Amino acid sequence: MKVRNKYFLIGFAILILIGVNVAIGFIFGYEIALKPWQFISEQILGMQWLNTLLGSLIK
């Protein structure tokens, strides 16, 4: 697969996910649509503090 096609598919998939999330927001409400994004951001932030903690313990 060409690199251009790969980036196109990744971009298209991201747009589809955003579109589905907006549709869920319209159907079920704004707070329900925010839940997946909040979970992802909390996990990323949580992993960062855990990484810092483990790094300081190892040193």
Foldseek 3Di string as FASTA:
>chain_A
DDPVVVVVVVVVVVVVVVVVLVVCCVPPHDVVSCVVVVVVVVVVVVVVVVVVVVVVVVD
